[in-house]
């Protein structure tokens, strides 16, 4: 909602982009939405993209591979890469 407040103070989109560290293109899109629908038009609509189509059962398999024991069993330390002396 910072962008809406800046637009209300008549700050131009390039300056809004600089202050909020976004691209000028995004600031101009926000400005257009703000002009058409006010601050509510800039409210988040949640995550974009399609929903996950995998079943809960299918999601369990990758979770098992990401289990912390498995990388250790393969010779990897959990945070800093391979153990010394083992091939990469």
Protein backbone atom coordinates (compact mmCIF):
# COMPACT_ATOMS: atom_id res chain seq x y z
CA UNK A 1 0.00 0.00 0.00
CA UNK A 2 3.06 2.25 0.03
CA UNK A 3 2.66 2.83 -3.70
CA UNK A 4 -0.92 4.04 -3.26
CA UNK A 5 0.18 6.51 -0.58
CA UNK A 6 2.93 7.84 -2.84
CA UNK A 7 0.55 8.20 -5.79
CA UNK A 8 -1.91 10.07 -3.56
CA UNK A 9 0.91 12.51 -2.77
CA UNK A 10 1.27 13.03 -6.56
CA UNK A 11 4.67 11.36 -6.79
CA UNK A 12 5.43 10.19 -10.31
CA UNK A 13 5.85 6.48 -11.14
CA UNK A 14 9.63 6.66 -11.83
CA UNK A 15 10.18 8.11 -8.35
CA UNK A 16 7.87 5.50 -6.82
CA UNK A 17 9.90 2.81 -8.59
CA UNK A 18 13.14 4.21 -7.20
CA UNK A 19 11.80 4.50 -3.65
CA UNK A 20 10.25 1.03 -3.60
CA UNK A 21 13.10 -0.62 -5.54
CA UNK A 22 10.95 -1.97 -8.36
CA UNK A 23 11.11 -1.57 -12.11
CA UNK A 24 9.60 1.55 -13.69
CA UNK A 25 7.33 -0.75 -15.70
CA UNK A 26 5.83 -2.15 -12.48
CA UNK A 27 5.36 1.35 -11.07
CA UNK A 28 3.55 2.48 -14.23
CA UNK A 29 1.29 -0.61 -14.06
CA UNK A 30 0.52 0.11 -10.42
CA UNK A 31 -0.18 3.76 -11.27
CA UNK A 32 -2.66 2.73 -13.97
CA UNK A 33 -4.40 0.32 -11.57
CA UNK A 34 -4.45 2.97 -8.85
CA UNK A 35 -6.02 5.55 -11.20
CA UNK A 36 -8.71 3.08 -12.25
CA UNK A 37 -9.53 1.54 -8.88
CA UNK A 38 -7.80 3.37 -6.05
CA UNK A 39 -5.75 1.77 -3.32
CA UNK A 40 -7.93 -1.36 -3.22
CA UNK A 41 -6.89 -2.16 -6.81
CA UNK A 42 -3.30 -2.52 -5.58
CA UNK A 43 -4.15 -5.04 -2.84
CA UNK A 44 -2.52 -8.46 -3.21
CA UNK A 45 -4.59 -11.11 -4.91
CA UNK A 46 -2.51 -13.95 -3.45
CA UNK A 47 -0.01 -16.19 -5.21
CA UNK A 48 -0.23 -16.38 -8.98
CA UNK A 49 0.02 -19.46 -11.14
CA UNK A 50 -1.86 -22.70 -11.22
CA UNK A 51 -2.45 -24.82 -8.16
CA UNK A 52 -0.42 -27.96 -7.56
CA UNK A 53 -2.02 -30.94 -9.27
CA UNK A 54 -0.10 -33.61 -7.36
CA UNK A 55 -2.01 -35.67 -4.86
CA UNK A 56 -0.86 -35.68 -1.23
CA UNK A 57 0.45 -39.23 -1.81
CA UNK A 58 2.64 -38.06 -4.71
CA UNK A 59 3.99 -35.20 -2.62
CA UNK A 60 5.21 -37.66 0.01
CA UNK A 61 7.84 -39.14 -2.33
CA UNK A 62 9.86 -35.91 -2.84
CA UNK A 63 9.51 -35.20 0.87
CA UNK A 64 11.22 -38.53 1.62
CA UNK A 65 14.16 -37.60 -0.60
CA UNK A 66 14.49 -34.27 1.16
CA UNK A 67 14.64 -35.96 4.54
CA UNK A 68 17.79 -34.83 6.31
CA UNK A 69 19.16 -38.38 6.73
CA UNK A 70 19.34 -39.13 3.02
CA UNK A 71 21.98 -36.53 2.05
CA UNK A 72 24.15 -37.74 4.92
CA UNK A 73 23.81 -41.33 3.77
CA UNK A 74 25.02 -40.28 0.32
CA UNK A 75 28.14 -38.66 1.79
CA UNK A 76 26.91 -35.06 1.94
CA UNK A 77 27.03 -32.82 4.93
CA UNK A 78 23.72 -31.14 5.56
CA UNK A 79 24.73 -27.53 4.95
CA UNK A 80 28.17 -27.10 3.39
CA UNK A 81 28.51 -29.52 0.49
CA UNK A 82 30.33 -32.85 0.23
CA UNK A 83 32.58 -34.29 2.89
CA UNK A 84 36.29 -34.12 2.23
CA UNK A 85 37.81 -36.98 0.30
CA UNK A 86 34.60 -37.99 -1.44
CA UNK A 87 34.06 -37.38 -5.15
CA UNK A 88 31.57 -34.71 -6.05
